[in-house]
Protein backbone atom coordinates (compact mmCIF):
# COMPACT_ATOMS: atom_id res chain seq x y z
CA MET A 1 -9.25 -2.17 -19.11
CA PRO A 2 -7.49 -5.57 -19.21
CA ARG A 3 -8.16 -7.50 -22.38
CA TYR A 4 -8.85 -10.77 -20.57
CA TRP A 5 -11.64 -9.06 -18.60
CA LEU A 6 -13.24 -7.17 -21.46
CA SER A 7 -13.12 -10.20 -23.77
CA VAL A 8 -16.19 -11.78 -22.11
CA PHE A 9 -18.20 -8.74 -23.24
CA ALA A 10 -17.12 -9.30 -26.86
CA GLU A 11 -18.46 -11.33 -29.76
CA ASP A 12 -16.32 -12.17 -32.78
CA GLY A 13 -13.52 -10.08 -31.29
CA HIS A 14 -15.65 -6.91 -31.01
CA VAL A 15 -17.55 -5.06 -28.29
CA LEU A 16 -20.34 -2.57 -28.82
CA GLY A 17 -19.50 0.75 -27.20
CA ARG A 18 -21.85 3.64 -26.52
CA TRP A 19 -20.02 6.94 -26.17
CA ARG A 20 -20.91 9.93 -24.09
CA GLU A 21 -22.42 11.86 -27.01
CA GLY A 22 -24.79 8.94 -27.66
CA ALA A 23 -23.14 7.37 -30.70
CA GLU A 24 -22.53 3.63 -30.80
CA TYR A 25 -19.57 1.94 -32.45
CA ARG A 26 -18.60 -1.68 -32.91
CA THR A 27 -15.03 -1.63 -31.57
CA ARG A 28 -12.29 -4.21 -31.87
CA LEU A 29 -11.39 -5.72 -28.52
CA ARG A 30 -7.75 -4.68 -28.82
CA GLY A 31 -8.68 -1.03 -29.38
CA ALA A 32 -11.18 -0.93 -26.52
CA ALA A 33 -8.92 -2.66 -23.99
CA ALA A 34 -5.63 -0.79 -24.44
CA ALA A 35 -4.49 2.82 -24.18
CA ARG A 36 -1.13 3.22 -25.87
CA HIS A 37 1.79 3.98 -23.48
CA PHE A 38 -0.63 4.46 -20.57
CA ASN A 39 1.66 2.80 -18.01
CA THR A 40 5.06 3.27 -19.65
CA ASP A 41 7.94 5.19 -18.06
CA PRO A 42 8.66 8.13 -20.40
CA PHE A 43 12.15 8.64 -18.95
CA ALA A 44 13.41 5.05 -19.24
CA GLU A 45 14.83 3.07 -22.14
CA GLY A 46 14.43 -0.51 -23.29
CA GLU A 47 12.56 -2.97 -21.10
CA CYS A 48 12.53 -0.50 -18.21
CA ARG A 49 9.97 1.59 -20.08
CA THR A 50 7.33 -1.13 -19.74
CA VAL A 51 8.35 -2.52 -16.36
CA LEU A 52 4.95 -1.76 -14.79
CA GLU A 53 3.00 -3.24 -17.70
CA THR A 54 5.14 -6.37 -17.50
CA TYR A 55 4.52 -6.62 -13.76
CA LEU A 56 0.77 -6.20 -14.17
CA GLY A 57 0.63 -8.81 -16.91
CA ASP A 58 2.69 -11.44 -15.09
CA ARG A 59 1.71 -10.86 -11.46
CA VAL A 60 -1.87 -9.56 -11.73
CA ASP A 61 -3.63 -10.22 -15.05
CA ASN A 62 -2.55 -13.81 -15.73
CA PRO A 63 -3.49 -15.14 -12.26
CA ALA A 64 -6.71 -13.08 -12.20
CA ALA A 65 -7.78 -14.36 -15.63
CA ARG A 66 -7.58 -17.93 -14.34
CA VAL A 67 -9.63 -17.11 -11.22
CA MET A 68 -12.31 -15.17 -13.10
CA ARG A 69 -12.63 -17.95 -15.66
CA ALA A 70 -13.20 -20.42 -12.82
CA ILE A 71 -15.87 -18.15 -11.32
CA ARG A 72 -17.75 -17.98 -14.61
CA GLN A 73 -17.58 -21.77 -14.81
CA GLY A 74 -19.33 -22.08 -11.44
CA TYR A 75 -16.48 -22.35 -8.94
CA TRP A 76 -17.68 -20.34 -5.94
CA PRO A 77 -16.83 -19.67 -3.15
CA LEU A 78 -13.12 -19.41 -3.75
CA GLU A 79 -10.21 -20.75 -1.78
CA GLU A 80 -8.32 -18.19 0.27
CA THR A 81 -5.38 -17.86 -2.14
CA ASP A 82 -7.68 -17.42 -5.14
CA GLN A 83 -9.76 -14.86 -3.25
CA GLN A 84 -6.61 -12.87 -2.46
CA THR A 85 -5.67 -12.98 -6.15
CA LEU A 86 -9.10 -11.63 -7.01
CA VAL A 87 -8.89 -8.87 -4.38
CA GLU A 88 -5.53 -7.71 -5.74
CA ALA A 89 -6.94 -7.66 -9.29
CA LEU A 90 -9.88 -5.53 -8.13
CA ALA A 91 -7.56 -3.15 -6.29
CA TRP A 92 -5.34 -2.73 -9.33
CA GLN A 93 -8.33 -2.25 -11.59
CA LEU A 94 -9.51 0.67 -9.47
CA VAL A 95 -6.18 2.51 -9.62
CA ARG A 96 -4.89 1.67 -13.12
CA THR A 97 -7.62 3.40 -15.13
CA ARG A 98 -8.15 6.83 -16.61
CA ALA A 99 -10.97 7.34 -14.10
CA PHE A 100 -8.58 7.11 -11.14
CA ARG A 101 -5.93 9.15 -12.91
CA ALA A 102 -8.45 11.93 -13.56
CA TRP A 103 -9.55 11.81 -9.92
CA ASP A 104 -5.95 11.92 -8.74
CA GLU A 105 -5.18 14.96 -10.89
CA GLN A 106 -8.31 16.82 -9.79
CA VAL A 107 -7.58 16.28 -6.10
CA GLY A 108 -4.04 17.53 -6.64
CA GLU A 109 -5.28 20.65 -8.39
CA HIS A 110 -7.58 21.44 -5.45
CA LEU A 111 -5.01 20.76 -2.72
CA PHE A 112 -1.94 22.37 -4.27
CA PRO A 113 -2.86 26.10 -3.81
CA PRO A 114 -3.47 25.93 -0.03
CA MET A 115 -0.38 23.78 0.47
CA TRP A 116 1.69 26.24 -1.56
CA ALA A 117 0.29 29.11 0.52
CA ALA A 118 0.96 27.32 3.83
CA GLU A 119 4.58 26.76 2.83
CA ALA A 120 4.86 30.41 1.80
CA VAL A 121 4.19 31.46 5.40
CA GLY A 122 7.21 29.51 6.62
CA PHE A 123 9.26 30.85 3.71
CA VAL A 124 8.52 34.46 4.69
CA GLU A 125 9.35 33.83 8.35
CA GLU A 126 12.59 32.11 7.43
CA HIS A 127 13.81 34.95 5.24
CA SER A 128 12.58 37.77 7.47
CA GLY A 129 14.31 36.26 10.51
CA ARG A 130 11.30 36.75 12.77
CA ALA A 131 8.05 35.07 13.62
CA LEU A 132 4.90 36.55 12.12
CA THR A 133 1.85 37.35 14.19
CA PRO A 134 -1.25 35.20 13.63
CA GLU A 135 -2.84 38.03 11.62
CA GLN A 136 0.27 38.41 9.46
CA ARG A 137 0.38 34.67 8.85
CA LEU A 138 -3.15 34.72 7.54
CA GLN A 139 -2.38 37.73 5.35
CA VAL A 140 0.63 35.99 3.83
CA PHE A 141 -1.34 32.79 3.43
CA HIS A 142 -4.21 34.39 1.53
CA ALA A 143 -1.86 36.50 -0.60
CA ALA A 144 0.11 33.39 -1.58
CA LEU A 145 -3.11 31.50 -2.20
CA ARG A 146 -4.13 34.07 -4.81
CA GLN A 147 -0.70 33.90 -6.49
CA SER A 148 -0.33 30.12 -6.44
CA PRO A 149 0.90 28.62 -9.72
CA PRO A 150 -0.91 25.60 -11.18
CA ALA A 151 -0.16 22.19 -9.73
CA SER A 152 1.52 21.21 -12.99
CA VAL A 153 4.71 23.06 -11.94
CA ILE A 154 5.60 20.23 -9.53
CA THR A 155 4.39 17.25 -11.53
CA ASP A 156 6.26 15.02 -13.89
CA GLN A 157 4.99 12.40 -16.28
CA ARG A 158 5.60 9.60 -13.77
CA MET A 159 3.60 11.05 -10.89
CA ALA A 160 0.46 9.22 -12.05
CA LEU A 161 2.37 5.93 -12.03
CA ARG A 162 3.65 6.55 -8.50
CA SER A 163 0.16 7.45 -7.31
CA ALA A 164 -1.30 4.24 -8.75
CA ILE A 165 1.27 2.05 -6.99
CA ARG A 166 0.82 3.79 -3.64
CA ALA A 167 -2.95 3.81 -3.93
CA PHE A 168 -2.97 0.09 -4.73
CA GLU A 169 -1.71 -0.78 -1.26
CA ARG A 170 -4.40 1.38 0.31
CA VAL A 171 -7.18 -0.11 -1.83
CA ARG A 172 -6.00 -3.67 -1.19
CA ALA A 173 -6.10 -3.04 2.56
CA PHE A 174 -9.58 -1.54 2.14
CA LEU A 175 -10.88 -4.59 0.25
CA SER A 176 -9.15 -7.05 2.60
CA ALA A 177 -10.66 -5.61 5.80
CA ASP A 178 -12.14 -8.19 8.17
CA GLU A 179 -15.61 -6.68 7.97
CA ARG A 180 -15.69 -7.00 4.17
CA ARG A 181 -16.75 -9.96 2.07
CA LEU A 182 -17.18 -10.77 -1.59
CA VAL A 183 -20.66 -11.57 -2.89
CA LEU A 184 -21.33 -13.03 -6.34
CA LEU A 185 -24.64 -12.39 -8.11
CA ARG A 186 -25.52 -14.50 -11.16
CA SER A 187 -28.12 -14.33 -13.90
CA ASP A 188 -29.21 -16.83 -16.54
CA ARG A 189 -29.10 -14.16 -19.27
CA PRO A 190 -26.93 -11.12 -20.11
CA LEU A 191 -27.93 -8.10 -18.03
CA LEU A 192 -24.72 -6.19 -17.35
CA VAL A 193 -22.71 -3.59 -19.23
CA ILE A 194 -19.20 -2.51 -18.28
CA GLY A 195 -17.68 0.97 -18.24
CA ASP A 196 -14.18 1.75 -19.45
CA SER A 197 -13.14 1.97 -15.77
CA GLY A 198 -14.12 -1.66 -15.14
CA VAL A 199 -15.04 -1.35 -11.45
CA VAL A 200 -17.32 1.13 -9.69
CA LEU A 201 -17.54 2.49 -6.15
CA ARG A 202 -21.00 3.13 -4.73
CA ARG A 203 -21.56 5.01 -1.49
CA GLN A 204 -24.00 3.93 1.19
CA ASP A 205 -26.60 6.43 -0.07
CA GLY A 206 -26.41 4.96 -3.57
CA ALA A 207 -24.40 7.84 -5.06
CA HIS A 208 -21.44 7.27 -7.39
CA GLY A 209 -19.57 10.55 -6.87
CA ILE A 210 -15.78 10.71 -6.66
CA THR A 211 -15.40 13.59 -4.20
CA PRO A 212 -13.01 12.48 -1.38
CA PRO A 213 -12.89 10.39 0.62
CA LEU A 214 -12.98 7.97 -2.28
CA LEU A 215 -12.88 4.94 0.01
CA SER A 216 -15.35 5.21 2.86
CA ALA A 217 -15.90 2.37 5.30
CA THR A 218 -19.35 1.53 3.94
CA SER A 219 -18.63 1.95 0.22
CA GLN A 220 -19.33 -0.97 -2.08
CA LEU A 221 -17.11 -1.96 -4.98
CA LEU A 222 -19.00 -3.40 -7.94
CA ALA A 223 -17.23 -5.40 -10.65
CA PRO A 224 -19.08 -6.94 -13.62
CA LEU A 225 -17.09 -10.12 -14.29
CA SER A 226 -19.27 -10.95 -17.30
CA PRO A 227 -22.67 -9.90 -18.66
CA GLN A 228 -24.14 -12.46 -16.23
CA HIS A 229 -21.86 -12.21 -13.17
CA LEU A 230 -21.64 -9.26 -10.76
CA LEU A 231 -19.06 -9.30 -7.96
CA ILE A 232 -19.61 -7.00 -4.98
CA SER A 233 -17.21 -6.15 -2.15
CA THR A 234 -19.43 -5.06 0.72
CA THR A 235 -19.77 -4.75 4.48
CA ARG A 236 -23.51 -5.40 4.36
CA SER A 237 -24.79 -8.67 5.77
CA HIS A 238 -28.14 -9.00 3.99
CA TYR A 239 -26.68 -10.80 0.97
CA ARG A 240 -27.04 -14.58 1.01
CA PRO A 241 -24.20 -16.84 -0.21
CA GLU A 242 -26.12 -17.74 -3.38
CA GLU A 243 -27.74 -14.63 -4.79
CA VAL A 244 -29.57 -14.04 -8.06
CA LEU A 245 -28.69 -11.08 -10.25
CA THR A 246 -32.12 -9.56 -10.80
CA PRO A 247 -32.88 -6.93 -13.46
CA LYS A 248 -33.27 -4.35 -10.66
CA ARG A 249 -29.84 -5.08 -9.22
CA ALA A 250 -28.32 -5.14 -12.69
CA ALA A 251 -29.85 -1.73 -13.42
CA LYS A 252 -28.14 -0.28 -10.34
CA ALA A 253 -24.79 -1.73 -11.39
CA ASN A 254 -25.24 -0.43 -14.94
CA THR A 255 -26.02 3.04 -13.61
CA GLY A 256 -22.72 2.98 -11.74
CA ALA A 257 -20.83 1.85 -14.85
CA ALA A 258 -22.27 4.78 -16.80
CA ALA A 259 -21.56 7.24 -13.98
CA TRP A 260 -17.90 6.22 -13.66
CA CYS A 261 -17.01 5.91 -17.34
CA GLN A 262 -14.56 8.37 -18.89
CA GLU A 263 -15.62 7.93 -22.50
CA ALA A 264 -17.67 4.80 -23.21
CA VAL A 265 -19.75 1.93 -21.86
CA TYR A 266 -19.36 -1.48 -23.51
CA ARG A 267 -21.70 -4.43 -23.91
CA LEU A 268 -22.20 -7.60 -25.92
CA PRO A 269 -23.11 -6.67 -29.52
CA SER A 270 -26.14 -8.99 -29.31
CA MET A 271 -27.37 -7.43 -26.05
CA PRO A 272 -29.83 -4.51 -26.27
CA TRP A 273 -28.97 -1.27 -24.49
CA PRO A 274 -30.58 -1.33 -21.02
CA ALA A 275 -33.82 0.60 -20.79
CA ARG A 276 -33.61 4.02 -19.13
CA LEU A 277 -29.81 3.86 -18.82
CA ARG A 278 -28.23 7.22 -19.58
CA ILE A 279 -24.56 8.20 -19.68
CA PRO A 280 -23.97 11.55 -17.88
CA GLY A 281 -22.95 14.47 -20.05
CA THR A 282 -19.55 14.86 -18.35
CA ALA A 283 -16.98 12.60 -16.73
CA PRO A 284 -16.97 12.44 -12.90
CA GLN A 285 -15.73 15.63 -11.27
CA VAL A 286 -14.24 16.35 -7.84
CA ARG A 287 -15.96 19.36 -6.36
CA ALA A 288 -13.72 22.05 -4.94
CA PRO A 289 -13.46 21.98 -1.12
CA ALA A 290 -14.31 24.91 1.12
CA LEU A 291 -11.03 26.06 2.69
CA VAL A 292 -10.70 26.60 6.44
CA ALA A 293 -7.35 28.18 7.45
CA ARG A 294 -6.27 29.25 10.91
CA PRO A 295 -2.92 30.24 12.45
CA ASP A 296 -0.91 27.59 14.24
CA ASP A 297 -1.76 27.86 17.94
CA GLY A 298 1.54 26.29 18.96
CA GLY A 299 -0.08 23.15 20.30
CA THR A 300 0.37 19.61 19.12
CA PRO A 301 1.62 19.65 15.54
CA ALA A 302 -0.78 18.31 12.94
CA THR A 303 0.04 14.83 11.75
CA GLN A 304 0.10 13.96 8.08
CA PRO A 305 -1.06 10.55 6.85
CA ARG A 306 1.63 8.32 5.42
CA HIS A 307 1.33 6.01 2.47
CA PRO A 308 1.12 2.30 3.34
CA ALA A 309 4.36 0.39 2.94
CA ILE A 310 4.79 -1.42 -0.37
CA ARG A 311 4.97 -5.09 0.57
CA ASP A 312 6.10 -6.59 -2.74
CA PRO A 313 9.89 -6.10 -3.26
CA GLU A 314 9.44 -6.11 -7.04
CA LEU A 315 6.81 -3.39 -6.82
CA ARG A 316 9.03 -1.38 -4.45
CA ALA A 317 11.79 -1.51 -7.05
CA ILE A 318 9.40 -0.24 -9.72
CA LEU A 319 8.31 2.62 -7.45
CA GLN A 320 11.95 3.48 -6.81
CA GLN A 321 12.52 3.70 -10.57
CA PHE A 322 9.55 6.03 -10.93
CA THR A 323 10.75 8.15 -7.97
CA ALA A 324 14.29 8.73 -9.23
CA PRO A 325 14.83 12.28 -10.58
CA PRO A 326 14.05 12.49 -14.30
CA PRO A 327 16.83 13.64 -16.65
CA ARG A 328 15.31 17.10 -16.98
CA GLN A 329 13.55 18.51 -13.95
CA ARG A 330 11.21 21.42 -14.51
CA LYS A 331 12.18 24.51 -12.54
CA ILE A 332 9.51 25.78 -10.18
CA PRO A 333 8.88 29.52 -10.53
CA SER A 334 9.37 31.62 -7.41
CA PRO A 335 6.52 34.09 -6.82
CA PRO A 336 7.23 37.18 -4.69
CA ILE A 337 6.17 35.37 -1.52
CA GLY A 338 6.32 31.79 -2.77
CA PRO A 339 8.28 28.93 -1.25
CA ARG A 340 11.59 27.73 -2.54
CA ARG A 341 10.77 24.09 -1.80
CA ASN A 342 8.54 21.83 -3.84
CA VAL A 343 5.08 21.52 -2.37
CA GLY A 344 1.87 19.79 -3.26
CA GLY A 345 0.77 16.21 -3.61
CA HIS A 346 -1.67 14.00 -1.80
CA ASP A 347 -2.06 10.39 -0.84
CA GLY A 348 -4.30 7.81 -2.43
CA ASN A 349 -7.38 8.96 -0.49
CA GLY A 350 -7.42 12.67 -1.22
CA ARG A 351 -5.47 13.79 1.85
CA LEU A 352 -2.19 15.61 2.17
CA ALA A 353 0.86 13.52 1.33
CA ASP A 354 3.74 12.84 3.66
CA ALA A 355 6.81 14.96 2.96
CA ALA A 356 8.98 11.93 2.34
CA ASP A 357 6.57 10.56 -0.27
CA GLU A 358 5.79 13.50 -2.53
CA HIS A 359 6.11 17.26 -2.36
CA ALA A 360 4.23 18.01 0.87
CA PRO A 361 5.35 21.13 2.78
CA ARG A 362 7.96 20.55 5.45
CA ARG A 363 6.65 23.28 7.69
CA ALA A 364 3.42 25.24 7.65
CA GLY A 365 3.12 28.51 9.48
CA ALA A 366 -0.60 28.55 8.78
CA GLU A 367 -2.01 25.17 9.68
CA ILE A 368 -4.22 23.42 7.15
CA ASN A 369 -6.16 20.50 8.54
CA PRO A 370 -7.02 18.18 5.65
CA TYR A 371 -10.01 16.90 7.59
CA GLU A 372 -11.51 20.40 7.49
CA LEU A 373 -11.62 20.50 3.70
CA ARG A 374 -15.29 20.21 2.89
CA GLU A 375 -17.42 20.29 -0.22
CA ARG A 376 -19.00 23.53 -1.23
């Protein structure tokens, strides 16, 4: 959580945090805002270790702090350049938190076994020198699925940093869509709390789950800019330009902050805890999908979504640094029918990654359609 953002929820340099087990602690702003080495490159030396933190501070946080301060002082609506600055800050805030990192890891854990198994089918055909029948492909697929190693065998400590950069472009495009607009709700007294994830996504039905797709066309993004200012990115047209933040609307936003938090929800020390607000007993979880596998019918090959292009040259250079092979690459174990190529990975929206971007399989004898992965 950026310090400039959380500081408006502080008094005398402290915020009041309520933790998942129910305890409350008065926490120094510095301790609540920062997670040590969260965005550092573990394989780099010198200034290269903190290249992403430096970029976020100079290119995202400093401009966004100026815009948010102007909003709290009554400047609304914003000029186009300031609105774009705000949109980029919201996009980064969604992908730079522990909440997104936990979601990213959970999706990878669910997708890796079927991707490993699909690659194993091609591996067996390649080394047997013959094509398998559809029934044999399914047998190999399910056998490999049972023997799949954990997704951690293909990950390195920079994968989370790469995922955040790639997901940022997708989230920015999502928030910049023509059908979306930013709505600001204001109150004359403190009503809002803020979770340690900062922003919250709410589905059309009012749910705050994180099961993919994380970004649906009708999802709302809620961002408490202060205890009295709530910013909403929405496609709905019923909001008027000048809206009042009512206690009912604030209660809905506070429920989302509690649902999305990883550890704590923060508020002004002088502000009472909202009535009937409860923090769930566990952090948000991605439910395992129901797998549908079928042999390749030889028709049109399935297409795999590609990550959006990184537009900022400086950010592309940072991604290239994080993509370069680390000094010591972990060796992937080879199960009896496992693939010899790295597999796994997904894009920023919970779908299979492109082979050029991460470790997606190059060929799948048993087709897996990512759009057929459903919740149980």
